[in-house]
Amino acid sequence: MRRGGGAGGGGGGGGRGYGNYTNPCLTMHQPWASLLVYGIKRIEGRSWTTPIRGRLWIHAASKVPEEDTIKTMEDFYREIYAVNGITDLKFPEHYPVSRLLGCVEVVGCVKCEELASWEAVPEGVRLEGQTDFCWLCEQPQKLLVPFEMRGYQGVYNLERKIHEAAIRGLVPVKGPMPVKFPLPNPQDPFSLKPGSISVGFSDNKASVVEKSEGLSAAIAGARAAATQFNKKDQNLLSNTTTNSYSNSTSSGRPDSKSLEEDKMLESCSVGGSGEEASVPSKTEQLNPIQCEESSSRGQTREDLKQIPGASAKIFAAAVRGLKQS
């Protein structure tokens, strides 16, 4: 049985969403974004519980990842997969930025301590949870031609035309160790929520994964990498003037657009990219950060419910790329 589909829109075509979400998307820093779409990362960590079930589109933020960060996170996943005997991991060859990369199916959300003690899932998966809330992700799919677009705060809806083109360019990805998270109630997509599985745990008999020296070092390194963004970007924001977007993408240096995006994003965590101070409001989730851009095009408040993710030229180029592939 395919979970996360039906009314939640997690099945074939996106369908209807829960609440105001029809084609929900989340912007994440690299390398975390690609690791999730490639099925290597199975837990997206946040300080707030997920408002959706079903398909979640993944967009890579504009910040170019540092080589040390990529190596640290790849080493982390090598170590946690080794716990389950998997030693031959194939990582993405590239970590593109400012691109819509693909999607995953969000089937539930549990507390970190619940995941760590959940014997129904492999040990390596339990080690991924390092944040307050762990979004459980399955069935990764990637775009043959990643779409260039910019991201927004929190969970937001893809613009309809972008979604229609992207849905045709998806291909399934088989991760090194796919996981099926069992729903307490298969008839209720929201049955796997914080507190739903902790009742079966005993405080005295919580399952603990034994950590080797190498694994402990990898976890410590991943945590250090995850906290780099807030501190660095706060300094950059106070000392950096506006640079052009083309300079940013060609040189790897942050510009005003990437700084704004990184400021609005949560700082990355080991399990994902989520340690912001508070849960974004519905207005923040559904409205673009620079509303003046939309206002200049004569859009109304109702129009803003479907957030424009890319210009018409970018969209047309992406569609042509799909037809040629």
Protein backbone atom coordinates (compact mmCIF):
# COMPACT_ATOMS: atom_id res chain seq x y z
CA MET A 1 0.00 0.00 0.00
CA ARG A 2 1.38 3.38 -1.01
CA ARG A 3 1.35 5.72 1.95
CA GLY A 4 1.08 9.47 1.81
CA GLY A 5 -1.10 9.49 -1.32
CA GLY A 6 -4.81 9.91 -1.75
CA ALA A 7 -6.16 13.05 -0.19
CA GLY A 8 -2.69 14.21 0.75
CA GLY A 9 -1.56 14.42 -2.84
CA GLY A 10 1.51 12.29 -2.21
CA GLY A 11 0.62 9.91 -4.99
CA GLY A 12 1.12 10.25 -8.70
CA GLY A 13 0.12 13.81 -9.55
CA GLY A 14 0.42 15.89 -6.42
CA GLY A 15 -3.37 16.12 -5.99
CA ARG A 16 -4.81 18.02 -3.08
CA GLY A 17 -2.79 19.01 -0.06
CA TYR A 18 -3.58 19.36 3.62
CA GLY A 19 -4.69 22.83 4.61
CA ASN A 20 -3.27 25.44 2.25
CA TYR A 21 -0.62 23.18 0.74
CA THR A 22 -1.30 21.86 -2.75
CA ASN A 23 2.23 21.35 -4.14
CA PRO A 24 4.39 21.92 -1.05
CA CYS A 25 8.08 22.68 -1.42
CA LEU A 26 10.93 23.13 1.06
CA THR A 27 14.18 25.03 0.45
CA MET A 28 17.26 23.42 1.99
CA HIS A 29 20.99 24.08 2.01
CA GLN A 30 23.37 21.84 0.10
CA PRO A 31 24.59 19.13 0.50
CA TRP A 32 21.56 18.17 2.61
CA ALA A 33 19.09 18.84 -0.23
CA SER A 34 20.72 16.48 -2.74
CA LEU A 35 21.38 13.81 -0.12
CA LEU A 36 17.64 13.74 0.59
CA VAL A 37 16.59 13.56 -3.07
CA TYR A 38 19.15 10.81 -3.74
CA GLY A 39 17.68 8.67 -0.97
CA ILE A 40 20.81 8.72 1.16
CA LYS A 41 19.24 11.00 3.73
CA ARG A 42 15.99 9.60 5.10
CA ILE A 43 15.29 11.95 7.98
CA GLU A 44 14.70 15.69 7.61
CA GLY A 45 15.29 17.34 10.96
CA ARG A 46 13.43 20.44 12.13
CA SER A 47 12.54 22.23 15.34
CA TRP A 48 8.88 22.15 14.28
CA THR A 49 6.58 19.33 13.28
CA THR A 50 5.71 18.92 9.60
CA PRO A 51 2.35 20.36 8.45
CA ILE A 52 2.05 17.96 5.50
CA ARG A 53 1.86 14.34 4.46
CA GLY A 54 2.64 13.13 0.98
CA ARG A 55 4.83 14.62 -1.69
CA LEU A 56 7.26 17.34 -0.64
CA TRP A 57 9.32 19.06 -3.34
CA ILE A 58 12.95 19.82 -2.45
CA HIS A 59 14.70 22.99 -3.60
CA ALA A 60 18.41 23.74 -3.10
CA ALA A 61 19.26 27.16 -1.66
CA SER A 62 21.65 29.54 -3.42
CA LYS A 63 24.62 29.09 -1.08
CA VAL A 64 27.41 27.10 -2.72
CA PRO A 65 28.47 24.35 -0.25
CA GLU A 66 32.05 24.27 0.94
CA GLU A 67 34.12 21.21 0.10
CA ASP A 68 34.79 20.56 3.78
CA THR A 69 31.04 20.57 4.50
CA ILE A 70 30.36 18.10 1.70
CA LYS A 71 33.14 15.79 2.89
CA THR A 72 31.96 15.99 6.50
CA MET A 73 28.39 15.07 5.63
CA GLU A 74 29.42 12.28 3.26
CA ASP A 75 31.66 10.86 6.01
CA PHE A 76 28.73 11.04 8.42
CA TYR A 77 26.49 9.00 6.12
CA ARG A 78 29.28 6.49 5.40
CA GLU A 79 29.53 5.84 9.12
CA ILE A 80 25.80 5.48 9.83
CA TYR A 81 25.25 3.19 6.83
CA ALA A 82 28.22 1.08 7.94
CA VAL A 83 26.26 0.34 11.12
CA ASN A 84 23.91 -1.68 8.90
CA GLY A 85 26.73 -3.24 6.87
CA ILE A 86 26.50 -0.93 3.83
CA THR A 87 29.94 0.34 2.85
CA ASP A 88 29.60 1.23 -0.85
CA LEU A 89 27.69 4.51 -1.04
CA LYS A 90 27.37 6.45 -4.30
CA PHE A 91 27.06 10.14 -3.52
CA PRO A 92 25.87 12.81 -5.97
CA GLU A 93 28.57 13.98 -8.37
CA HIS A 94 27.34 17.56 -8.09
CA TYR A 95 25.46 19.64 -5.51
CA PRO A 96 23.66 22.28 -7.61
CA VAL A 97 22.28 25.44 -6.04
CA SER A 98 19.18 27.55 -6.73
CA ARG A 99 17.50 24.53 -8.30
CA LEU A 100 14.37 22.47 -7.79
CA LEU A 101 15.92 19.01 -7.39
CA GLY A 102 13.06 16.54 -6.96
CA CYS A 103 10.77 15.31 -4.21
CA VAL A 104 10.24 12.82 -1.39
CA GLU A 105 7.18 11.38 0.35
CA VAL A 106 6.73 12.57 3.93
CA VAL A 107 4.95 9.75 5.77
CA GLY A 108 5.22 10.96 9.35
CA CYS A 109 6.98 12.97 12.02
CA VAL A 110 8.26 11.83 15.42
CA LYS A 111 10.33 13.26 18.23
CA CYS A 112 14.07 12.69 18.19
CA GLU A 113 13.98 10.47 21.28
CA GLU A 114 11.21 8.37 19.73
CA LEU A 115 13.25 7.77 16.58
CA ALA A 116 16.35 6.88 18.60
CA SER A 117 14.39 4.17 20.44
CA TRP A 118 12.31 2.87 17.52
CA GLU A 119 13.43 -0.71 17.00
CA ALA A 120 11.17 -1.11 13.95
CA VAL A 121 13.60 0.93 11.84
CA PRO A 122 17.29 0.21 11.10
CA GLU A 123 19.97 1.44 13.48
CA GLY A 124 21.45 3.81 10.91
CA VAL A 125 18.13 5.58 10.45
CA ARG A 126 17.85 6.11 14.20
CA LEU A 127 21.24 7.82 14.18
CA GLU A 128 20.06 10.39 11.64
CA GLY A 129 17.69 12.03 14.09
CA GLN A 130 19.55 14.87 15.82
CA THR A 131 16.84 17.54 16.03
CA ASP A 132 13.65 18.07 18.03
CA PHE A 133 11.40 16.68 15.29
CA CYS A 134 12.24 14.16 12.61
CA TRP A 135 10.34 14.18 9.32
CA LEU A 136 10.24 10.64 7.93
CA CYS A 137 10.94 10.55 4.19
CA GLU A 138 10.46 7.77 1.64
CA GLN A 139 10.31 7.25 -2.13
CA PRO A 140 12.80 9.87 -3.35
CA GLN A 141 12.53 11.07 -6.94
CA LYS A 142 14.85 13.43 -8.81
CA LEU A 143 14.36 15.73 -11.77
CA LEU A 144 16.18 14.83 -14.97
CA VAL A 145 16.57 18.56 -15.54
CA PRO A 146 16.66 20.50 -12.25
CA PHE A 147 14.71 23.75 -12.56
CA GLU A 148 16.43 27.03 -11.73
CA MET A 149 14.35 28.97 -9.23
CA ARG A 150 14.69 30.73 -5.91
CA GLY A 151 13.40 29.53 -2.57
CA TYR A 152 11.19 30.94 0.15
CA GLN A 153 10.71 30.61 3.88
CA GLY A 154 9.14 27.55 5.47
CA VAL A 155 6.93 25.26 3.41
CA TYR A 156 5.46 27.00 0.38
CA ASN A 157 3.48 26.03 -2.72
CA LEU A 158 5.14 25.62 -6.09
CA GLU A 159 3.78 27.80 -8.85
CA ARG A 160 1.36 25.74 -10.92
CA LYS A 161 3.26 25.84 -14.23
CA ILE A 162 6.51 24.88 -12.55
CA HIS A 163 4.76 21.96 -10.88
CA GLU A 164 3.15 20.76 -14.11
CA ALA A 165 6.50 20.72 -15.91
CA ALA A 166 8.40 19.21 -12.98
CA ILE A 167 5.98 16.32 -12.56
CA ARG A 168 6.85 15.13 -16.07
CA GLY A 169 10.58 15.16 -15.40
CA LEU A 170 10.70 12.94 -12.30
CA VAL A 171 12.53 9.63 -12.18
CA PRO A 172 12.52 7.26 -9.17
CA VAL A 173 15.68 6.97 -7.11
CA LYS A 174 16.65 3.82 -5.27
CA GLY A 175 18.63 4.76 -2.21
CA PRO A 176 21.29 2.51 -0.70
CA MET A 177 18.86 1.34 2.00
CA PRO A 178 15.23 2.39 1.42
CA VAL A 179 13.06 2.44 4.54
CA LYS A 180 9.34 1.90 5.06
CA PHE A 181 8.11 3.57 8.23
CA PRO A 182 5.09 1.65 9.59
CA LEU A 183 2.00 3.77 10.16
CA PRO A 184 0.15 3.04 13.43
CA ASN A 185 -3.10 3.44 11.49
CA PRO A 186 -2.78 2.84 7.72
CA GLN A 187 -6.12 4.59 7.19
CA ASP A 188 -4.86 7.81 8.78
CA PRO A 189 -1.86 9.51 7.10
CA PHE A 190 -1.36 11.64 10.22
CA SER A 191 -1.30 8.69 12.64
CA LEU A 192 2.52 8.72 12.67
CA LYS A 193 2.99 11.93 14.63
CA PRO A 194 4.97 13.02 17.71
CA GLY A 195 4.00 10.84 20.65
CA SER A 196 2.24 8.20 18.53
CA ILE A 197 4.87 5.50 19.03
CA SER A 198 6.49 6.46 22.34
CA VAL A 199 3.79 4.62 24.30
CA GLY A 200 5.39 1.34 23.26
CA PHE A 201 8.78 2.25 24.68
CA SER A 202 10.08 1.56 28.14
CA ASP A 203 12.30 4.21 29.68
CA ASN A 204 14.45 1.47 31.13
CA LYS A 205 14.75 -0.57 27.96
CA ALA A 206 15.18 2.06 25.26
CA SER A 207 17.14 0.70 22.32
CA VAL A 208 20.51 2.41 22.02
CA VAL A 209 22.82 2.12 19.04
CA GLU A 210 26.36 1.48 20.19
CA LYS A 211 28.64 4.18 18.77
CA SER A 212 32.17 3.41 17.68
CA GLU A 213 34.91 6.02 17.89
CA GLY A 214 34.64 6.72 14.17
CA LEU A 215 30.86 7.06 14.33
CA SER A 216 31.02 9.41 17.29
CA ALA A 217 33.56 11.57 15.46
CA ALA A 218 31.38 11.62 12.34
CA ILE A 219 28.32 12.72 14.35
CA ALA A 220 30.33 15.46 16.05
CA GLY A 221 31.64 16.66 12.69
CA ALA A 222 28.18 16.69 11.17
CA ARG A 223 26.82 18.71 14.08
CA ALA A 224 29.63 21.23 13.67
CA ALA A 225 28.93 21.52 9.95
CA ALA A 226 25.25 21.98 10.64
CA THR A 227 25.78 25.01 12.87
CA GLN A 228 28.06 26.92 10.49
CA PHE A 229 25.36 28.81 8.60
CA ASN A 230 23.80 31.05 11.23
CA LYS A 231 27.08 32.33 12.64
CA LYS A 232 28.70 32.85 9.26
CA ASP A 233 25.74 34.47 7.59
CA GLN A 234 25.11 36.88 10.45
CA ASN A 235 28.66 38.19 10.03
CA LEU A 236 28.38 38.32 6.26
CA LEU A 237 25.06 40.13 6.43
CA SER A 238 26.55 42.96 8.47
CA ASN A 239 29.66 43.35 6.30
CA THR A 240 28.56 42.52 2.75
CA THR A 241 26.92 44.88 0.26
CA THR A 242 24.69 43.77 -2.59
CA ASN A 243 26.39 41.71 -5.30
CA SER A 244 24.82 40.50 -8.52
CA TYR A 245 23.30 37.03 -8.70
CA SER A 246 25.57 36.11 -11.59
CA ASN A 247 28.66 36.88 -9.50
CA SER A 248 27.35 34.63 -6.75
CA THR A 249 26.70 31.62 -8.97
CA SER A 250 29.98 31.94 -10.88
CA SER A 251 32.33 32.64 -7.99
CA GLY A 252 30.60 30.82 -5.13
CA ARG A 253 30.58 34.00 -3.02
CA PRO A 254 27.34 34.85 -1.25
CA ASP A 255 25.35 37.76 -2.67
CA SER A 256 22.41 39.72 -1.28
CA LYS A 257 19.98 37.13 -2.61
CA SER A 258 21.79 34.18 -1.05
CA LEU A 259 22.27 36.06 2.21
CA GLU A 260 18.57 36.84 2.38
CA GLU A 261 17.73 33.23 1.59
CA ASP A 262 20.13 31.88 4.19
CA LYS A 263 18.87 34.32 6.81
CA MET A 264 15.31 33.15 6.27
CA LEU A 265 16.26 29.46 6.22
CA GLU A 266 16.75 27.40 9.31
CA SER A 267 20.38 26.56 10.11
CA CYS A 268 21.19 23.08 8.87
CA SER A 269 21.17 20.17 11.26
CA VAL A 270 22.58 16.68 11.04
CA GLY A 271 19.18 15.25 10.20
CA GLY A 272 18.17 18.11 7.97
CA SER A 273 18.12 21.87 7.83
CA GLY A 274 15.95 22.94 10.72
CA GLU A 275 16.83 24.75 13.90
CA GLU A 276 15.01 28.04 13.50
CA ALA A 277 13.73 29.97 16.49
CA SER A 278 10.02 29.53 15.85
CA VAL A 279 7.50 27.88 13.58
CA PRO A 280 6.79 30.03 10.49
CA SER A 281 3.27 31.38 10.39
CA LYS A 282 0.93 30.47 7.54
CA THR A 283 1.46 33.93 6.09
CA GLU A 284 5.22 33.43 6.11
CA GLN A 285 4.91 29.99 4.61
CA LEU A 286 2.68 31.01 1.73
CA ASN A 287 3.98 34.49 0.84
CA PRO A 288 7.29 35.15 -0.93
CA ILE A 289 10.02 36.93 0.98
CA GLN A 290 10.14 39.82 -1.47
CA CYS A 291 6.48 40.64 -1.95
CA GLU A 292 7.37 43.85 -3.73
CA GLU A 293 8.51 41.82 -6.75
CA SER A 294 5.10 40.21 -7.03
CA SER A 295 3.31 43.49 -6.36
CA SER A 296 5.18 45.14 -9.20
CA ARG A 297 3.70 42.55 -11.54
CA GLY A 298 0.20 43.48 -10.38
CA GLN A 299 -0.46 40.32 -8.40
CA THR A 300 -3.15 40.26 -5.72
CA ARG A 301 -3.13 38.63 -2.31
CA GLU A 302 -5.01 35.70 -3.82
CA ASP A 303 -2.31 35.32 -6.48
CA LEU A 304 0.34 35.03 -3.80
CA LYS A 305 -1.11 31.72 -2.64
CA GLN A 306 0.66 30.17 -5.61
CA ILE A 307 4.19 31.50 -5.29
CA PRO A 308 6.11 32.24 -8.50
CA GLY A 309 9.28 30.18 -8.42
CA ALA A 310 11.01 31.15 -11.65
CA SER A 311 10.75 33.56 -14.53
CA ALA A 312 8.96 32.67 -17.75
CA LYS A 313 12.26 32.40 -19.60
CA ILE A 314 13.69 29.95 -17.08
CA PHE A 315 10.52 27.90 -17.14
CA ALA A 316 10.50 27.74 -20.95
CA ALA A 317 14.15 26.69 -21.01
CA ALA A 318 13.48 23.95 -18.46
CA VAL A 319 10.58 22.60 -20.51
CA ARG A 320 12.71 22.55 -23.63
CA GLY A 321 15.35 20.63 -21.71
CA LEU A 322 12.80 18.02 -20.65
CA LYS A 323 11.62 17.53 -24.25
CA GLN A 324 15.20 17.06 -25.46
CA SER A 325 16.13 14.56 -22.73
